[in-house]
Protein backbone atom coordinates (compact mmCIF):
# COMPACT_ATOMS: atom_id res chain seq x y z
CA MET A 1 -11.01 -144.11 -71.29
CA SER A 2 -12.02 -146.81 -68.86
CA HIS A 3 -11.50 -146.69 -65.11
CA ASP A 4 -10.81 -149.84 -63.13
CA HIS A 5 -12.79 -149.85 -59.84
CA ASP A 6 -11.28 -153.10 -58.60
CA HIS A 7 -8.60 -151.28 -56.61
CA ASP A 8 -8.40 -151.71 -52.85
CA HIS A 9 -10.24 -148.69 -51.47
CA HIS A 10 -13.74 -147.28 -51.25
CA HIS A 11 -15.18 -143.87 -51.93
CA ASP A 12 -17.06 -141.90 -49.26
CA ASN A 13 -19.85 -141.03 -51.67
CA GLU A 14 -22.42 -141.47 -48.91
CA LEU A 15 -20.92 -138.63 -46.88
CA ASP A 16 -21.61 -134.93 -47.25
CA PRO A 17 -18.54 -132.82 -48.18
CA MET A 18 -17.77 -131.75 -44.60
CA ALA A 19 -18.09 -135.28 -43.21
CA ALA A 20 -15.86 -136.58 -46.02
CA ARG A 21 -13.21 -133.98 -45.18
CA VAL A 22 -13.35 -134.92 -41.50
CA ARG A 23 -13.05 -138.61 -42.40
CA ALA A 24 -10.03 -137.92 -44.63
CA LEU A 25 -8.31 -135.80 -41.99
CA GLU A 26 -8.92 -138.42 -39.31
CA THR A 27 -7.49 -141.12 -41.60
CA ILE A 28 -4.33 -139.12 -42.31
CA LEU A 29 -3.74 -138.26 -38.63
CA THR A 30 -4.34 -141.88 -37.61
CA ARG A 31 -1.86 -143.22 -40.19
CA LYS A 32 0.75 -140.74 -38.94
CA GLY A 33 0.17 -141.94 -35.38
CA LEU A 34 -0.94 -138.49 -34.22
CA ILE A 35 -4.36 -139.53 -32.92
CA ASP A 36 -5.90 -142.66 -31.44
CA PRO A 37 -9.25 -143.50 -33.11
CA GLU A 38 -10.51 -145.12 -29.91
CA ALA A 39 -9.80 -141.94 -27.96
CA ILE A 40 -11.70 -139.93 -30.58
CA ASP A 41 -14.63 -142.33 -30.30
CA VAL A 42 -14.71 -141.82 -26.53
CA ILE A 43 -14.78 -138.04 -26.94
CA VAL A 44 -17.55 -138.21 -29.55
CA ASP A 45 -19.58 -140.57 -27.38
CA THR A 46 -19.17 -138.23 -24.42
CA TYR A 47 -20.71 -135.30 -26.27
CA GLU A 48 -23.38 -137.40 -28.00
CA THR A 49 -24.60 -139.43 -25.04
CA GLN A 50 -23.23 -137.95 -21.81
CA VAL A 51 -22.95 -134.21 -22.41
CA GLY A 52 -25.63 -132.27 -24.18
CA PRO A 53 -29.16 -130.90 -24.18
CA ARG A 54 -30.62 -134.18 -22.88
CA ASN A 55 -28.86 -133.46 -19.59
CA GLY A 56 -30.41 -130.03 -19.31
CA ALA A 57 -33.78 -131.47 -20.28
CA ARG A 58 -33.56 -133.86 -17.33
CA VAL A 59 -32.78 -130.95 -15.01
CA VAL A 60 -35.81 -129.01 -16.28
CA ALA A 61 -38.08 -132.06 -16.08
CA ARG A 62 -37.03 -132.64 -12.48
CA ALA A 63 -37.71 -128.98 -11.64
CA TRP A 64 -41.15 -129.22 -13.26
CA SER A 65 -42.11 -132.32 -11.30
CA ASP A 66 -40.36 -131.75 -7.96
CA PRO A 67 -41.01 -128.39 -6.20
CA GLU A 68 -38.23 -129.00 -3.68
CA PHE A 69 -35.71 -129.56 -6.46
CA ALA A 70 -37.00 -126.47 -8.28
CA ASP A 71 -36.43 -124.39 -5.14
CA TRP A 72 -32.93 -125.84 -4.77
CA LEU A 73 -32.23 -125.08 -8.44
CA LYS A 74 -33.23 -121.46 -7.86
CA ARG A 75 -31.03 -121.15 -4.76
CA ASP A 76 -27.96 -123.13 -5.87
CA ALA A 77 -28.14 -124.32 -9.45
CA THR A 78 -24.57 -125.61 -9.45
CA ALA A 79 -25.22 -128.02 -6.59
CA ALA A 80 -28.70 -129.02 -7.77
CA ILE A 81 -27.46 -129.83 -11.26
CA ALA A 82 -24.43 -131.69 -9.91
CA SER A 83 -26.74 -133.85 -7.79
CA LEU A 84 -28.04 -135.33 -11.06
CA GLY A 85 -24.50 -136.10 -12.16
CA TYR A 86 -24.10 -133.17 -14.55
CA SER A 87 -21.03 -131.09 -13.79
CA GLY A 88 -17.59 -130.42 -15.16
CA ARG A 89 -16.12 -128.31 -17.90
CA GLN A 90 -17.85 -124.94 -18.31
CA GLY A 91 -20.55 -125.98 -15.90
CA GLU A 92 -18.84 -125.21 -12.62
CA HIS A 93 -20.84 -122.05 -11.82
CA MET A 94 -24.47 -122.16 -12.86
CA GLN A 95 -27.58 -120.08 -12.31
CA ALA A 96 -31.07 -121.20 -13.32
CA VAL A 97 -33.55 -118.56 -14.44
CA PHE A 98 -37.23 -119.49 -14.58
CA ASN A 99 -39.66 -118.28 -17.21
CA THR A 100 -43.01 -117.13 -15.85
CA ALA A 101 -46.27 -115.81 -17.23
CA GLU A 102 -44.85 -112.29 -16.83
CA THR A 103 -41.17 -112.76 -17.76
CA HIS A 104 -39.23 -114.56 -20.50
CA ASN A 105 -35.49 -115.13 -20.09
CA LEU A 106 -32.88 -115.09 -22.83
CA VAL A 107 -29.20 -116.06 -22.51
CA VAL A 108 -26.32 -114.61 -24.49
CA CYS A 109 -22.57 -114.15 -24.11
CA THR A 110 -21.68 -110.73 -25.44
CA LEU A 111 -17.91 -111.11 -25.04
CA CYS A 112 -17.29 -114.54 -26.55
CA SER A 113 -19.35 -117.74 -26.34
CA CYS A 114 -19.48 -118.84 -22.70
CA TYR A 115 -21.95 -121.71 -22.55
CA PRO A 116 -22.88 -124.48 -20.06
CA TRP A 117 -21.49 -127.52 -21.87
CA SER A 118 -22.39 -129.97 -19.10
CA VAL A 119 -26.13 -129.38 -19.57
CA LEU A 120 -26.41 -128.05 -23.12
CA GLY A 121 -23.49 -129.65 -24.95
CA LEU A 122 -21.60 -127.69 -27.58
CA PRO A 123 -22.94 -124.21 -28.41
CA PRO A 124 -24.78 -123.75 -31.72
CA VAL A 125 -23.02 -121.70 -34.38
CA TRP A 126 -25.53 -118.84 -34.12
CA TYR A 127 -24.89 -118.49 -30.38
CA LYS A 128 -21.25 -117.66 -31.10
CA ALA A 129 -22.00 -115.35 -34.03
CA PRO A 130 -21.51 -111.57 -33.53
CA PRO A 131 -25.03 -110.69 -34.79
CA TYR A 132 -26.70 -112.75 -32.06
CA ARG A 133 -24.26 -111.63 -29.37
CA SER A 134 -24.92 -107.96 -30.07
CA ARG A 135 -28.56 -107.91 -31.10
CA ALA A 136 -29.80 -110.16 -28.29
CA VAL A 137 -29.06 -107.29 -25.92
CA ILE A 138 -30.12 -104.41 -28.16
CA ASP A 139 -33.28 -105.93 -29.64
CA PRO A 140 -34.15 -109.17 -27.85
CA ARG A 141 -37.78 -109.12 -28.97
CA GLY A 142 -36.75 -108.77 -32.60
CA VAL A 143 -34.20 -111.57 -32.27
CA LEU A 144 -36.80 -113.89 -30.76
CA GLN A 145 -39.17 -113.12 -33.62
CA GLU A 146 -36.45 -114.19 -36.07
CA PHE A 147 -36.31 -117.51 -34.21
CA GLY A 148 -40.06 -117.80 -34.71
CA LEU A 149 -40.98 -116.83 -31.17
CA THR A 150 -43.36 -113.88 -30.86
CA LEU A 151 -44.14 -112.92 -27.29
CA ALA A 152 -47.00 -110.80 -26.01
CA ALA A 153 -46.16 -107.12 -25.98
CA ASN A 154 -46.68 -106.93 -22.24
CA LYS A 155 -44.33 -109.82 -21.46
CA LYS A 156 -41.00 -108.66 -20.04
CA ILE A 157 -37.82 -110.05 -21.62
CA ARG A 158 -34.81 -110.34 -19.36
CA VAL A 159 -31.42 -110.90 -21.01
CA TRP A 160 -28.69 -112.70 -19.07
CA ASP A 161 -25.05 -112.21 -20.14
CA SER A 162 -22.95 -115.31 -19.51
CA THR A 163 -19.34 -114.97 -18.42
CA ALA A 164 -16.42 -117.28 -17.71
CA GLU A 165 -17.46 -117.17 -14.05
CA LEU A 166 -21.22 -117.72 -14.44
CA ARG A 167 -23.40 -119.54 -16.97
CA TYR A 168 -27.17 -119.68 -17.19
CA LEU A 169 -29.84 -122.28 -17.80
CA VAL A 170 -33.34 -121.13 -18.72
CA VAL A 171 -36.12 -123.22 -17.19
CA PRO A 172 -39.02 -122.81 -19.63
CA GLN A 173 -42.61 -122.84 -18.44
CA ARG A 174 -44.13 -126.27 -18.15
CA PRO A 175 -46.54 -126.92 -21.03
CA ALA A 176 -50.23 -127.34 -20.29
CA ASP A 177 -51.87 -130.76 -20.11
CA THR A 178 -48.81 -132.52 -18.70
CA ASP A 179 -50.08 -133.29 -15.20
CA GLY A 180 -49.04 -136.74 -14.09
CA TRP A 181 -46.36 -137.11 -16.75
CA SER A 182 -43.13 -138.92 -15.85
CA GLU A 183 -39.83 -137.05 -15.87
CA ASP A 184 -38.74 -139.00 -18.95
CA LYS A 185 -41.83 -137.92 -20.85
CA LEU A 186 -41.52 -134.33 -19.68
CA ALA A 187 -37.87 -134.21 -20.76
CA GLU A 188 -38.94 -134.93 -24.32
CA LEU A 189 -40.67 -131.53 -24.40
CA VAL A 190 -37.50 -129.63 -23.47
CA THR A 191 -35.29 -128.43 -26.32
CA ARG A 192 -31.84 -126.87 -26.34
CA ASP A 193 -33.24 -123.59 -27.65
CA SER A 194 -35.89 -123.46 -24.91
CA MET A 195 -33.06 -123.67 -22.35
CA ILE A 196 -31.27 -120.76 -24.02
CA GLY A 197 -34.50 -118.81 -24.32
CA THR A 198 -34.87 -118.59 -28.08
CA ALA A 199 -37.85 -120.97 -28.00
CA LEU A 200 -40.53 -122.33 -25.71
CA ALA A 201 -40.83 -125.93 -24.60
CA ARG A 202 -42.74 -128.18 -26.98
CA GLU A 203 -46.47 -128.42 -26.45
CA ALA A 204 -47.91 -131.67 -25.17
CA ALA A 205 -49.02 -133.89 -28.04
């Protein structure tokens, strides 16, 4: 039996199954007049280019390179972060916690998935999962090892429990051999996971 491919539509063979399902759903909702594709594009652009880990990375890079800003971030993280233009939904009440040679900080939300969207974007799936939410408090060292981060036995781990009223940003330790680096270059070393506490900042290349 032959199949005529000259009909007026294309197949989304280049998409993975989930992306294809999203594309199909968006097409149906658009045809029914239930969504505006341009509005969807604006939302996607917001989370891809305006909200996300790159914002938090800029905050950390500024703290690494500007002692006065770092002090402000410690005293009033909400205001310091807002001064860089990063504020809004789920970022209204912030506290920055700084990793040191003696202490490593880890953030979790044991009740749900409270997360600072304005500086870290959307939370990763594992952050919302019950195993992480429970074990991060009970066995933080073991959880970090599962993320590939093994800390010295004498390093203290402090776990911070986010709530609807207060969200945390971990400021990782500045990597060695980065003296004189610009904020843009420093920001490239800061990852989302390092600002949650499940990783360290990248080492200088």
